[in-house]
């Protein structure tokens, strides 16, 4: 593995001495497609603002490819290193990423009570890409507020350490597509049931509501393991059953858009970029009334067919073809083209489920109660679920475009039927940062 020293500020294949190539997904950003994400980390004690600012300064030194600003160069955008500090806002306030109020950064931070919030553009990175950054940030923060505690550094990247080139690379895709022989396709039915009680559009974002659950990992995994499932397929099965029971009037198929990362197929396991596709799990009407065990088996089989490394090459190759297609386009054409690419890639779903996977906290999780990612719901089916592991718990965040409790009440009842205990937090409205391409 070839290392990159921080002092050199290497970010993969340079455009020139001070700027680097952007992921072509970024060209899709605009008023109709913001696609920002917020990660909320609940600590065991109130947040110390000065300690947070100090920790961010040190963390930015280790992850220079996240401390960047976007600049236009002709018909392209490039990333430039941004020496300005990250913005930290009180009262969980949001800012516009890429604008003056965020110091032109694509990352911003906020806090309220015991919670720290990290905001960024999903075009820029994903949960797996930003987790090492988050872990380094929490290490420096906790080290500052608890100087009496010895924190292990194994598995935590520190300022001044060498940055692997594979981690910082800004264009990990090969020049030519791979051969394709997928087991399944990412096709969806022509018509898909969608929730009519979840208002669409950013103009209705004041109704976006989060329902957070904490579930003991041993309790959920005892059930999941008995049916050869995973946390993602289990939660998807519960959500499908929840919606199907709530809407007996429809015979349309329902689709779970399962977020899935394809780093392994790309051969870039350390990449900090966004490498997520949406794998459809299709529930035709004949599955209505099936028990959770059967639904879990069906979901598991769908992922085996549609989310293996060979099938993931369809997504990798599509990225390469889009990159070749937009090369030479005018900026306005690139933005229009990539906007449609994102719409087609997400597809039409009834609901979505995302699970980052078991993540190694290196002992920091004894100071963390839960982690809740929040997503842009404009392109969702109206109900999205994010699962995150922390300590002994799974944090399950159900996000809706309305505050109705009908689905959450049914979901809670199904958990109880499966013998799984949980702690439910109070519902909360959530807001996301805007994002602008200057």
Protein backbone atom coordinates (compact mmCIF):
# COMPACT_ATOMS: atom_id res chain seq x y z
CA UNK A 1 0.00 0.00 0.00
CA UNK A 2 1.53 3.29 -1.07
CA UNK A 3 1.21 5.91 1.73
CA UNK A 4 0.47 9.59 1.20
CA UNK A 5 1.95 12.06 3.67
CA UNK A 6 -0.32 14.77 5.04
CA UNK A 7 2.19 17.49 4.27
CA UNK A 8 1.88 16.65 0.57
CA UNK A 9 -1.95 16.89 0.62
CA UNK A 10 -2.26 14.15 -1.97
CA UNK A 11 -5.84 13.38 -2.92
CA UNK A 12 -5.38 10.81 -5.64
CA UNK A 13 -5.11 11.85 -9.29
CA UNK A 14 -4.48 15.57 -9.32
CA UNK A 15 -6.06 17.94 -11.81
CA UNK A 16 -3.16 20.29 -11.03
CA UNK A 17 -1.12 21.23 -7.98
CA UNK A 18 -4.03 22.57 -5.92
CA UNK A 19 -7.21 20.90 -7.12
CA UNK A 20 -8.71 17.47 -7.57
CA UNK A 21 -11.40 15.78 -9.57
CA UNK A 22 -14.96 15.61 -8.21
CA UNK A 23 -17.22 12.58 -8.19
CA UNK A 24 -19.53 13.00 -11.18
CA UNK A 25 -22.52 12.54 -8.83
CA UNK A 26 -21.95 16.09 -7.56
CA UNK A 27 -23.13 17.56 -10.86
CA UNK A 28 -26.65 16.37 -10.03
CA UNK A 29 -26.98 18.76 -7.08
CA UNK A 30 -29.49 21.58 -7.40
CA UNK A 31 -32.62 23.10 -5.84
CA UNK A 32 -34.69 20.08 -6.94
CA UNK A 33 -32.16 17.54 -5.63
CA UNK A 34 -30.21 18.59 -2.53
CA UNK A 35 -29.36 15.09 -1.24
CA UNK A 36 -27.63 16.07 1.99
CA UNK A 37 -27.34 13.83 5.04
CA UNK A 38 -27.04 14.52 8.76
CA UNK A 39 -25.51 12.17 11.32
CA UNK A 40 -26.71 12.71 14.90
CA UNK A 41 -24.48 11.28 17.64
CA UNK A 42 -25.99 11.22 21.15
CA UNK A 43 -23.30 11.25 23.84
CA UNK A 44 -23.65 10.38 27.52
CA UNK A 45 -23.04 14.01 28.57
CA UNK A 46 -23.62 17.54 27.20
CA UNK A 47 -21.44 18.68 24.32
CA UNK A 48 -18.52 21.02 25.05
CA UNK A 49 -18.37 23.44 22.10
CA UNK A 50 -14.72 24.42 22.50
CA UNK A 51 -13.65 20.79 22.77
CA UNK A 52 -15.62 20.05 19.60
CA UNK A 53 -13.94 22.90 17.71
CA UNK A 54 -10.50 21.76 18.89
CA UNK A 55 -11.25 18.16 17.86
CA UNK A 56 -12.42 19.28 14.41
CA UNK A 57 -9.21 21.22 13.81
CA UNK A 58 -7.11 18.13 14.52
CA UNK A 59 -9.40 15.81 12.57
CA UNK A 60 -9.27 18.03 9.47
CA UNK A 61 -5.49 17.58 9.41
CA UNK A 62 -5.89 13.81 9.04
CA UNK A 63 -8.66 14.00 6.41
CA UNK A 64 -7.66 16.84 4.04
CA UNK A 65 -9.88 15.37 1.29
CA UNK A 66 -12.90 16.26 3.45
CA UNK A 67 -11.59 19.79 4.18
CA UNK A 68 -12.29 21.07 0.68
CA UNK A 69 -14.29 23.62 -1.26
CA UNK A 70 -15.79 23.35 -4.74
CA UNK A 71 -14.62 25.69 -7.47
CA UNK A 72 -15.61 26.00 -11.09
CA UNK A 73 -12.92 25.52 -13.72
CA UNK A 74 -14.38 26.08 -17.17
CA UNK A 75 -17.11 23.47 -17.65
CA UNK A 76 -16.02 21.41 -14.64
CA UNK A 77 -16.06 21.58 -10.87
CA UNK A 78 -12.91 20.70 -8.95
CA UNK A 79 -12.14 20.35 -5.24
CA UNK A 80 -9.61 22.62 -3.62
CA UNK A 81 -8.12 22.34 -0.15
CA UNK A 82 -9.98 24.73 2.16
CA UNK A 83 -7.88 26.10 5.08
CA UNK A 84 -10.88 27.81 6.71
CA UNK A 85 -12.27 26.13 9.87
CA UNK A 86 -15.37 23.99 9.77
CA UNK A 87 -18.49 25.85 10.92
CA UNK A 88 -19.99 24.73 14.25
CA UNK A 89 -23.58 25.88 14.92
CA UNK A 90 -25.48 25.80 18.23
CA UNK A 91 -29.06 24.54 18.64
CA UNK A 92 -28.65 21.91 15.88
CA UNK A 93 -28.96 24.72 13.29
CA UNK A 94 -28.40 23.99 9.61
CA UNK A 95 -26.41 25.99 7.03
CA UNK A 96 -25.96 25.91 3.27
CA UNK A 97 -23.05 23.66 2.38
CA UNK A 98 -20.69 25.03 -0.25
CA UNK A 99 -21.68 28.62 0.60
CA UNK A 100 -20.20 31.43 2.70
CA UNK A 101 -22.22 30.43 5.78
CA UNK A 102 -20.39 27.08 5.85
CA UNK A 103 -17.02 28.70 5.05
CA UNK A 104 -17.55 27.07 1.63
CA UNK A 105 -16.96 23.61 3.14
CA UNK A 106 -18.99 20.54 2.11
CA UNK A 107 -18.98 19.49 5.78
CA UNK A 108 -20.64 21.39 8.64
CA UNK A 109 -21.31 20.63 12.29
CA UNK A 110 -23.85 21.52 14.97
CA UNK A 111 -24.67 20.53 18.52
CA UNK A 112 -27.52 20.61 20.99
CA UNK A 113 -27.59 19.18 24.50
CA UNK A 114 -25.79 15.82 24.38
CA UNK A 115 -25.87 15.57 20.58
CA UNK A 116 -23.29 16.33 17.89
CA UNK A 117 -24.49 16.66 14.28
CA UNK A 118 -22.36 16.13 11.18
CA UNK A 119 -23.75 17.43 7.87
CA UNK A 120 -22.48 16.73 4.37
CA UNK A 121 -23.60 16.01 0.81
CA UNK A 122 -24.45 12.38 0.04
CA UNK A 123 -23.05 13.00 -3.47
CA UNK A 124 -19.68 13.48 -1.74
CA UNK A 125 -19.45 10.51 0.63
CA UNK A 126 -21.51 7.85 2.41
CA UNK A 127 -21.70 6.23 5.84
CA UNK A 128 -18.74 3.91 5.31
CA UNK A 129 -16.71 6.70 3.74
CA UNK A 130 -17.16 9.13 6.61
CA UNK A 131 -17.04 6.67 9.54
CA UNK A 132 -13.22 6.82 9.97
CA UNK A 133 -13.50 10.65 10.09
CA UNK A 134 -16.26 10.42 12.68
CA UNK A 135 -14.25 8.03 14.83
CA UNK A 136 -11.17 10.27 14.75
CA UNK A 137 -13.33 13.28 15.66
CA UNK A 138 -14.87 11.52 18.65
CA UNK A 139 -11.44 10.32 19.80
CA UNK A 140 -10.02 13.85 19.88
CA UNK A 141 -13.20 15.23 21.44
CA UNK A 142 -13.40 12.64 24.23
CA UNK A 143 -9.66 12.88 24.84
CA UNK A 144 -10.14 16.61 25.47
CA UNK A 145 -13.15 16.39 27.80
CA UNK A 146 -11.79 13.31 29.62
CA UNK A 147 -8.03 13.85 29.97
CA UNK A 148 -8.01 11.44 32.90
CA UNK A 149 -9.02 8.52 30.65
CA UNK A 150 -6.60 6.52 28.50
CA UNK A 151 -8.17 5.93 25.08
CA UNK A 152 -6.83 3.22 22.82
CA UNK A 153 -5.67 4.48 19.42
CA UNK A 154 -5.64 1.14 17.61
CA UNK A 155 -7.98 1.42 14.64
CA UNK A 156 -8.14 5.24 14.86
CA UNK A 157 -6.34 7.41 12.27
CA UNK A 158 -4.60 10.35 13.94
CA UNK A 159 -3.32 13.70 12.68
CA UNK A 160 0.18 13.37 11.29
CA UNK A 161 -0.24 9.74 10.30
CA UNK A 162 0.28 8.62 6.74
CA UNK A 163 -2.79 8.53 4.49
CA UNK A 164 -3.04 5.47 2.22
CA UNK A 165 -3.33 6.47 -1.42
CA UNK A 166 -6.28 4.07 -1.78
CA UNK A 167 -8.14 6.03 0.89
CA UNK A 168 -7.52 9.48 -0.60
CA UNK A 169 -7.92 8.54 -4.28
CA UNK A 170 -10.39 10.83 -6.03
CA UNK A 171 -11.00 8.57 -9.06
CA UNK A 172 -10.85 4.87 -8.10
CA UNK A 173 -12.73 3.73 -11.21
CA UNK A 174 -10.90 1.99 -14.09
CA UNK A 175 -10.90 3.58 -17.53
CA UNK A 176 -12.88 0.77 -19.15
CA UNK A 177 -15.93 -1.19 -17.91
CA UNK A 178 -15.59 -4.68 -16.46
CA UNK A 179 -17.08 -7.75 -18.17
CA UNK A 180 -20.63 -8.33 -16.91
CA UNK A 181 -22.34 -11.63 -16.05
CA UNK A 182 -24.76 -10.68 -13.27
CA UNK A 183 -27.03 -13.17 -11.52
CA UNK A 184 -29.90 -10.68 -11.33
CA UNK A 185 -30.96 -7.22 -12.49
CA UNK A 186 -31.92 -3.99 -10.75
CA UNK A 187 -35.20 -3.74 -12.69
CA UNK A 188 -38.44 -2.79 -10.92
CA UNK A 189 -42.10 -3.39 -11.80
CA UNK A 190 -43.70 -0.80 -14.09
CA UNK A 191 -46.07 0.26 -11.30
CA UNK A 192 -45.10 0.39 -7.61
CA UNK A 193 -47.26 1.19 -4.59
CA UNK A 194 -46.32 4.48 -2.93
CA UNK A 195 -47.56 6.07 0.27
CA UNK A 196 -50.11 8.76 -0.57
CA UNK A 197 -50.13 10.01 3.03
CA UNK A 198 -46.49 11.21 2.86
CA UNK A 199 -46.42 14.66 1.19
CA UNK A 200 -43.72 15.10 -1.45
CA UNK A 201 -41.44 18.06 -2.14
CA UNK A 202 -39.10 20.25 -0.13
CA UNK A 203 -42.00 22.64 0.46
CA UNK A 204 -43.39 19.99 2.84
CA UNK A 205 -40.11 19.31 4.65
CA UNK A 206 -41.44 20.90 7.84
CA UNK A 207 -43.32 17.62 8.35
CA UNK A 208 -40.24 15.37 8.16
CA UNK A 209 -40.25 13.32 11.37
CA UNK A 210 -37.85 10.84 12.95
CA UNK A 211 -38.82 7.94 15.21
CA UNK A 212 -35.75 6.43 16.89
CA UNK A 213 -35.56 2.99 18.49
CA UNK A 214 -32.76 1.38 20.48
CA UNK A 215 -32.74 -2.42 20.34
CA UNK A 216 -30.27 -4.74 22.05
CA UNK A 217 -28.13 -6.37 19.39
CA UNK A 218 -28.24 -9.74 21.12
CA UNK A 219 -32.06 -9.70 21.13
CA UNK A 220 -32.43 -8.83 17.46
CA UNK A 221 -29.61 -11.10 16.32
CA UNK A 222 -31.02 -14.06 18.26
CA UNK A 223 -34.17 -13.79 16.14
CA UNK A 224 -32.42 -12.82 12.91
CA UNK A 225 -29.90 -15.66 13.15
CA UNK A 226 -32.68 -18.19 13.66
CA UNK A 227 -34.04 -17.34 10.18
CA UNK A 228 -30.62 -16.92 8.51
CA UNK A 229 -31.19 -13.21 8.06
CA UNK A 230 -29.44 -9.89 8.61
CA UNK A 231 -30.47 -6.71 10.43
CA UNK A 232 -31.28 -5.08 7.08
CA UNK A 233 -33.47 -7.89 5.71
CA UNK A 234 -35.22 -8.30 9.07
CA UNK A 235 -36.12 -4.61 9.34
CA UNK A 236 -37.15 -4.56 5.67
CA UNK A 237 -39.50 -7.49 6.33
CA UNK A 238 -41.08 -5.71 9.30
CA UNK A 239 -41.55 -2.48 7.35
CA UNK A 240 -43.09 -4.30 4.38
CA UNK A 241 -45.51 -6.12 6.68
CA UNK A 242 -46.30 -2.83 8.43
CA UNK A 243 -47.21 -1.06 5.17
CA UNK A 244 -49.02 -4.05 3.66
CA UNK A 245 -51.20 -4.41 6.78
CA UNK A 246 -51.95 -0.67 6.73
CA UNK A 247 -53.00 -0.73 3.04
CA UNK A 248 -55.12 -3.83 2.34
CA UNK A 249 -56.79 -1.95 -0.52
CA UNK A 250 -53.82 -2.09 -2.92
CA UNK A 251 -52.75 -4.98 -5.12
CA UNK A 252 -49.72 -3.15 -6.49
CA UNK A 253 -46.29 -4.63 -5.72
CA UNK A 254 -44.23 -2.92 -3.05
CA UNK A 255 -40.49 -2.29 -3.36
CA UNK A 256 -37.86 -1.84 -0.69
CA UNK A 257 -34.92 0.20 -1.98
CA UNK A 258 -32.04 -1.39 -0.07
CA UNK A 259 -28.99 0.87 0.10
CA UNK A 260 -25.91 -1.17 -0.66
CA UNK A 261 -22.24 -0.23 -0.98
CA UNK A 262 -20.17 -1.64 -3.83
CA UNK A 263 -16.61 -0.87 -2.65
CA UNK A 264 -15.61 -4.53 -2.71
CA UNK A 265 -16.66 -5.03 -6.32
CA UNK A 266 -14.85 -1.83 -7.29
CA UNK A 267 -11.71 -3.01 -5.48
CA UNK A 268 -11.61 0.17 -3.39
CA UNK A 269 -12.45 -0.87 0.20
CA UNK A 270 -10.79 2.21 1.73
CA UNK A 271 -12.35 4.82 -0.58
CA UNK A 272 -13.80 7.90 1.15
CA UNK A 273 -16.19 8.62 -1.74
CA UNK A 274 -19.86 7.74 -2.12
CA UNK A 275 -20.18 4.19 -3.45
CA UNK A 276 -23.82 3.34 -2.80
CA UNK A 277 -26.45 1.91 -5.09
CA UNK A 278 -30.10 1.01 -4.50
CA UNK A 279 -30.97 -2.69 -4.76
CA UNK A 280 -34.72 -3.35 -5.16
CA UNK A 281 -36.39 -6.04 -3.06
CA UNK A 282 -39.75 -6.67 -4.72
CA UNK A 283 -42.82 -7.78 -2.77
CA UNK A 284 -45.65 -8.82 -5.12
CA UNK A 285 -49.16 -8.85 -3.67
CA UNK A 286 -49.12 -12.64 -3.24
CA UNK A 287 -46.64 -12.20 -0.36
CA UNK A 288 -49.22 -10.32 1.70
CA UNK A 289 -49.91 -12.25 4.89
CA UNK A 290 -46.61 -14.16 4.90
CA UNK A 291 -44.90 -14.31 8.30
CA UNK A 292 -41.71 -12.43 9.11
CA UNK A 293 -39.53 -15.53 8.76
CA UNK A 294 -40.71 -16.17 5.19
CA UNK A 295 -40.41 -12.50 4.23
CA UNK A 296 -36.88 -12.41 5.60
CA UNK A 297 -35.91 -15.45 3.49
CA UNK A 298 -37.33 -13.79 0.38
CA UNK A 299 -35.46 -10.54 1.07
CA UNK A 300 -32.24 -12.43 1.70
CA UNK A 301 -32.59 -14.32 -1.58
CA UNK A 302 -33.18 -11.08 -3.49
CA UNK A 303 -29.97 -9.57 -2.11
CA UNK A 304 -27.97 -12.70 -2.98
CA UNK A 305 -29.17 -12.39 -6.60
CA UNK A 306 -28.97 -8.63 -6.96
CA UNK A 307 -26.21 -7.44 -4.58
CA UNK A 308 -23.28 -9.80 -5.11
CA UNK A 309 -19.95 -8.50 -6.41
CA UNK A 310 -20.72 -9.56 -9.98
CA UNK A 311 -24.05 -7.73 -10.00
CA UNK A 312 -22.40 -4.70 -8.38
CA UNK A 313 -20.24 -4.38 -11.47
CA UNK A 314 -23.36 -3.13 -13.27
CA UNK A 315 -23.23 -0.05 -11.04
CA UNK A 316 -19.46 0.34 -11.41
CA UNK A 317 -19.71 0.12 -15.20
CA UNK A 318 -22.61 2.57 -15.29
CA UNK A 319 -20.46 5.12 -13.42
CA UNK A 320 -17.64 4.66 -15.96
CA UNK A 321 -20.03 5.08 -18.90
CA UNK A 322 -21.58 8.22 -17.39
CA UNK A 323 -18.10 9.64 -16.80
CA UNK A 324 -17.18 9.08 -20.43
CA UNK A 325 -20.53 10.50 -21.58
CA UNK A 326 -20.30 13.81 -19.70
CA UNK A 327 -16.68 14.44 -20.65
CA UNK A 328 -16.73 17.41 -22.99
CA UNK A 329 -20.29 18.45 -22.11
CA UNK A 330 -21.15 22.00 -21.14
CA UNK A 331 -21.67 22.41 -17.38
CA UNK A 332 -25.41 22.91 -17.76
CA UNK A 333 -25.60 19.70 -19.81
CA UNK A 334 -23.61 17.76 -17.22
CA UNK A 335 -25.89 18.90 -14.43
CA UNK A 336 -29.04 17.99 -16.34
CA UNK A 337 -27.64 14.63 -17.41
CA UNK A 338 -26.41 13.59 -13.95
CA UNK A 339 -29.66 14.76 -12.33
CA UNK A 340 -31.53 12.25 -14.48
CA UNK A 341 -28.92 9.57 -13.76
CA UNK A 342 -29.60 9.94 -10.02
CA UNK A 343 -33.37 9.78 -10.53
CA UNK A 344 -33.05 6.63 -12.63
CA UNK A 345 -30.60 5.05 -10.19
CA UNK A 346 -32.80 5.57 -7.15
CA UNK A 347 -35.90 4.40 -8.97
CA UNK A 348 -39.40 4.23 -7.52
CA UNK A 349 -39.60 2.64 -4.08
CA UNK A 350 -42.30 2.14 -1.48
CA UNK A 351 -39.73 2.48 1.31
CA UNK A 352 -35.97 2.31 1.82
CA UNK A 353 -33.65 0.57 4.29
CA UNK A 354 -29.96 1.26 4.89
CA UNK A 355 -27.50 -0.51 7.20
CA UNK A 356 -23.88 0.60 7.38
CA UNK A 357 -22.89 -2.72 8.97
CA UNK A 358 -21.12 -3.50 12.21
CA UNK A 359 -18.54 -0.77 12.75
CA UNK A 360 -15.50 -0.90 15.09
CA UNK A 361 -15.70 1.95 17.62
CA UNK A 362 -12.35 1.19 19.31
CA UNK A 363 -13.90 1.59 22.76
CA UNK A 364 -15.34 5.07 22.11
CA UNK A 365 -18.90 3.73 22.15
CA UNK A 366 -19.01 3.61 25.95
CA UNK A 367 -19.59 7.38 25.72
CA UNK A 368 -22.22 7.09 22.93
CA UNK A 369 -25.91 6.33 23.43
CA UNK A 370 -26.97 6.18 19.79
CA UNK A 371 -26.15 7.23 16.24
CA UNK A 372 -28.95 8.33 13.91
CA UNK A 373 -28.38 9.21 10.24
CA UNK A 374 -31.02 11.47 8.65
CA UNK A 375 -31.60 11.44 4.89
CA UNK A 376 -33.19 13.61 2.23
CA UNK A 377 -36.70 12.16 1.89
CA UNK A 378 -37.68 13.96 -1.31
CA UNK A 379 -36.82 11.02 -3.56
CA UNK A 380 -37.83 8.32 -1.08
CA UNK A 381 -41.10 6.48 -1.02
CA UNK A 382 -41.93 8.60 2.01
CA UNK A 383 -40.58 6.22 4.67
CA UNK A 384 -36.89 5.40 5.11
CA UNK A 385 -35.05 3.42 7.79
CA UNK A 386 -31.41 3.70 8.82
CA UNK A 387 -29.79 1.07 11.06
CA UNK A 388 -26.55 1.78 12.91
CA UNK A 389 -24.67 -0.35 15.45
CA UNK A 390 -23.25 1.28 18.58
CA UNK A 391 -22.21 -0.42 21.79
CA UNK A 392 -24.64 -3.20 22.67
CA UNK A 393 -27.46 -1.67 20.64
CA UNK A 394 -28.81 -1.23 17.16
CA UNK A 395 -30.02 2.32 16.57
CA UNK A 396 -33.02 2.14 14.23
CA UNK A 397 -34.15 5.48 12.83
CA UNK A 398 -37.49 5.48 10.98
CA UNK A 399 -37.91 8.68 8.95
CA UNK A 400 -41.19 9.82 7.43
CA UNK A 401 -42.40 12.81 5.45
CA UNK A 402 -45.23 13.26 7.96
CA UNK A 403 -45.63 12.93 11.76
CA UNK A 404 -48.30 10.21 11.58
CA UNK A 405 -47.61 7.36 14.03
CA UNK A 406 -49.65 4.70 12.22
CA UNK A 407 -46.67 2.91 10.70
CA UNK A 408 -44.45 3.23 13.77
CA UNK A 409 -47.21 1.85 15.99
CA UNK A 410 -47.56 -1.20 13.73
CA UNK A 411 -43.78 -1.62 13.57
CA UNK A 412 -43.56 -1.54 17.37
CA UNK A 413 -46.27 -4.19 17.65
CA UNK A 414 -44.38 -6.47 15.25
CA UNK A 415 -41.20 -6.11 17.32
CA UNK A 416 -43.15 -7.21 20.38
CA UNK A 417 -44.64 -10.15 18.47
CA UNK A 418 -41.09 -11.26 17.66
CA UNK A 419 -40.19 -11.05 21.34
CA UNK A 420 -37.81 -8.12 20.81
CA UNK A 421 -37.71 -5.39 23.44
CA UNK A 422 -36.86 -1.81 22.53
CA UNK A 423 -36.55 1.73 23.83
CA UNK A 424 -38.42 4.31 21.74
CA UNK A 425 -37.29 7.93 21.77
CA UNK A 426 -39.80 10.76 21.42
CA UNK A 427 -40.61 11.68 17.79
CA UNK A 428 -38.62 14.65 16.50
CA UNK A 429 -38.80 16.93 13.49
CA UNK A 430 -35.52 17.01 11.58
CA UNK A 431 -34.02 19.45 9.11
CA UNK A 432 -31.13 19.03 6.70
CA UNK A 433 -28.57 21.45 5.30
CA UNK A 434 -28.97 22.90 1.85
CA UNK A 435 -26.19 22.46 -0.71
CA UNK A 436 -25.18 24.75 -3.52
CA UNK A 437 -22.83 24.55 -6.49
CA UNK A 438 -21.47 28.05 -6.90
